Amino acid sequence: MTASLKLEERVWNVLFSRIVGVILLSPTCLIIPAIELKRPGDPSCIQERIGKNGKTISILKLRTMRKGADHLEQMGMPECMAEKTKLAV
């Protein structure tokens, strides 16, 4: 592969990923205010996960359950009792 083809491929990859990123980010910009209106508190949280080769990565998650609902199972309540907001699927 020649240098010009590598550059062309790289430009295409960056351009394509930016376009897809904007398309995927647009609905998120509408969902976050909806979550804020429905339930007070932070509409998102950052969660640490184990990635490739054991490296820790941070991911952004949107809140779809009531605050504290993730602790209900630890208190002996079944998981189905963890009430979800109307935005949860």
C-alpha atoms as a PDB file:
ATOM      1  CA  MET A   1       0.000   0.000   0.000  1.00  0.00           C
ATOM      2  CA  THR A   2       1.441   3.349  -0.985  1.00  0.00           C
ATOM      3  CA  ALA A   3       1.758   6.303   1.336  1.00  0.00           C
ATOM      4  CA  SER A   4      -0.955   8.243  -0.486  1.00  0.00           C
ATOM      5  CA  LEU A   5      -3.397   5.330  -0.157  1.00  0.00           C
ATOM      6  CA  LYS A   6      -2.640   5.038   3.561  1.00  0.00           C
ATOM      7  CA  LEU A   7      -3.255   8.756   3.996  1.00  0.00           C
ATOM      8  CA  GLU A   8      -6.484   8.562   2.001  1.00  0.00           C
ATOM      9  CA  GLU A   9      -7.687   5.621   4.100  1.00  0.00           C
ATOM     10  CA  ARG A  10      -6.815   7.429   7.323  1.00  0.00           C
ATOM     11  CA  VAL A  11      -8.661  10.588   6.236  1.00  0.00           C
ATOM     12  CA  TRP A  12     -11.713   8.504   5.297  1.00  0.00           C
ATOM     13  CA  ASN A  13     -11.651   6.640   8.644  1.00  0.00           C
ATOM     14  CA  VAL A  14     -11.451   9.860  10.657  1.00  0.00           C
ATOM     15  CA  LEU A  15     -14.142  11.592   8.586  1.00  0.00           C
ATOM     16  CA  PHE A  16     -16.494   8.596   8.766  1.00  0.00           C
ATOM     17  CA  SER A  17     -16.052   8.187  12.527  1.00  0.00           C
ATOM     18  CA  ARG A  18     -16.762  11.887  13.106  1.00  0.00           C
ATOM     19  CA  ILE A  19     -19.967  11.738  11.040  1.00  0.00           C
ATOM     20  CA  VAL A  20     -21.184   8.593  12.823  1.00  0.00           C
ATOM     21  CA  GLY A  21     -20.278  10.144  16.179  1.00  0.00           C
ATOM     22  CA  VAL A  22     -22.407  13.206  15.495  1.00  0.00           C
ATOM     23  CA  ILE A  23     -25.321  11.046  14.336  1.00  0.00           C
ATOM     24  CA  LEU A  24     -25.171   8.902  17.477  1.00  0.00           C
ATOM     25  CA  LEU A  25     -24.675  11.875  19.787  1.00  0.00           C
ATOM     26  CA  SER A  26     -27.744  13.752  18.519  1.00  0.00           C
ATOM     27  CA  PRO A  27     -30.373  11.498  20.200  1.00  0.00           C
ATOM     28  CA  THR A  28     -28.335  11.571  23.405  1.00  0.00           C
ATOM     29  CA  CYS A  29     -28.613  15.363  23.467  1.00  0.00           C
ATOM     30  CA  LEU A  30     -32.403  14.954  23.465  1.00  0.00           C
ATOM     31  CA  ILE A  31     -32.529  12.128  26.019  1.00  0.00           C
ATOM     32  CA  ILE A  32     -30.437  13.852  28.697  1.00  0.00           C
ATOM     33  CA  PRO A  33     -32.853  16.810  29.172  1.00  0.00           C
ATOM     34  CA  ALA A  34     -35.784  14.364  29.215  1.00  0.00           C
ATOM     35  CA  ILE A  35     -34.163  12.409  32.058  1.00  0.00           C
ATOM     36  CA  GLU A  36     -33.432  15.655  33.926  1.00  0.00           C
ATOM     37  CA  LEU A  37     -37.055  16.775  33.622  1.00  0.00           C
ATOM     38  CA  LYS A  38     -38.474  13.445  34.787  1.00  0.00           C
ATOM     39  CA  ARG A  39     -36.182  12.797  37.753  1.00  0.00           C
ATOM     40  CA  PRO A  40     -33.968  15.192  39.696  1.00  0.00           C
ATOM     41  CA  GLY A  41     -30.287  14.437  39.900  1.00  0.00           C
ATOM     42  CA  ASP A  42     -27.472  13.693  37.527  1.00  0.00           C
ATOM     43  CA  PRO A  43     -28.784  12.079  34.303  1.00  0.00           C
ATOM     44  CA  SER A  44     -25.511  10.267  33.672  1.00  0.00           C
ATOM     45  CA  CYS A  45     -22.709   8.531  35.494  1.00  0.00           C
ATOM     46  CA  ILE A  46     -19.223   7.328  34.669  1.00  0.00           C
ATOM     47  CA  GLN A  47     -18.575   3.634  35.216  1.00  0.00           C
ATOM     48  CA  GLU A  48     -15.187   1.954  35.359  1.00  0.00           C
ATOM     49  CA  ARG A  49     -14.860  -1.261  33.372  1.00  0.00           C
ATOM     50  CA  ILE A  50     -12.052  -3.643  32.537  1.00  0.00           C
ATOM     51  CA  GLY A  51     -11.017  -3.289  28.906  1.00  0.00           C
ATOM     52  CA  LYS A  52      -8.549  -4.977  26.616  1.00  0.00           C
ATOM     53  CA  ASN A  53      -5.440  -6.389  28.292  1.00  0.00           C
ATOM     54  CA  GLY A  54      -6.904  -5.637  31.741  1.00  0.00           C
ATOM     55  CA  LYS A  55      -6.739  -1.869  31.230  1.00  0.00           C
ATOM     56  CA  THR A  56      -9.416   0.097  33.118  1.00  0.00           C
ATOM     57  CA  ILE A  57     -11.634   2.260  30.920  1.00  0.00           C
ATOM     58  CA  SER A  58     -14.348   4.757  31.797  1.00  0.00           C
ATOM     59  CA  ILE A  59     -17.704   4.712  30.036  1.00  0.00           C
ATOM     60  CA  LEU A  60     -20.542   7.215  30.216  1.00  0.00           C
ATOM     61  CA  LYS A  61     -23.934   5.712  31.082  1.00  0.00           C
ATOM     62  CA  LEU A  62     -27.354   7.347  31.117  1.00  0.00           C
ATOM     63  CA  ARG A  63     -29.501   6.840  34.207  1.00  0.00           C
ATOM     64  CA  THR A  64     -32.696   4.934  33.409  1.00  0.00           C
ATOM     65  CA  MET A  65     -33.596   3.734  36.903  1.00  0.00           C
ATOM     66  CA  ARG A  66     -34.581   5.654  40.002  1.00  0.00           C
ATOM     67  CA  LYS A  67     -31.730   6.800  42.178  1.00  0.00           C
ATOM     68  CA  GLY A  68     -30.693   3.988  44.542  1.00  0.00           C
ATOM     69  CA  ALA A  69     -32.670   1.282  42.696  1.00  0.00           C
ATOM     70  CA  ASP A  70     -29.485  -0.667  42.025  1.00  0.00           C
ATOM     71  CA  HIS A  71     -29.186  -1.375  45.773  1.00  0.00           C
ATOM     72  CA  LEU A  72     -32.657  -2.953  46.140  1.00  0.00           C
ATOM     73  CA  GLU A  73     -31.467  -6.437  45.237  1.00  0.00           C
ATOM     74  CA  GLN A  74     -28.782  -6.248  47.929  1.00  0.00           C
ATOM     75  CA  MET A  75     -31.524  -5.467  50.458  1.00  0.00           C
ATOM     76  CA  GLY A  76     -33.367  -8.695  49.587  1.00  0.00           C
ATOM     77  CA  MET A  77     -35.818  -7.310  47.048  1.00  0.00           C
ATOM     78  CA  PRO A  78     -36.031  -9.099  43.712  1.00  0.00           C
ATOM     79  CA  GLU A  79     -34.503  -7.375  40.705  1.00  0.00           C
ATOM     80  CA  CYS A  80     -37.926  -6.870  39.101  1.00  0.00           C
ATOM     81  CA  MET A  81     -38.842  -4.586  42.017  1.00  0.00           C
ATOM     82  CA  ALA A  82     -36.135  -2.103  40.995  1.00  0.00           C
ATOM     83  CA  GLU A  83     -38.537   0.420  39.561  1.00  0.00           C
ATOM     84  CA  LYS A  84     -37.523   1.900  36.246  1.00  0.00           C
ATOM     85  CA  THR A  85     -38.359   5.342  34.973  1.00  0.00           C
ATOM     86  CA  LYS A  86     -40.740   5.716  32.021  1.00  0.00           C
ATOM     87  CA  LEU A  87     -37.691   6.334  29.806  1.00  0.00           C
ATOM     88  CA  ALA A  88     -36.263   2.877  30.517  1.00  0.00           C
ATOM     89  CA  VAL A  89     -36.692   0.273  27.808  1.00  0.00           C
END
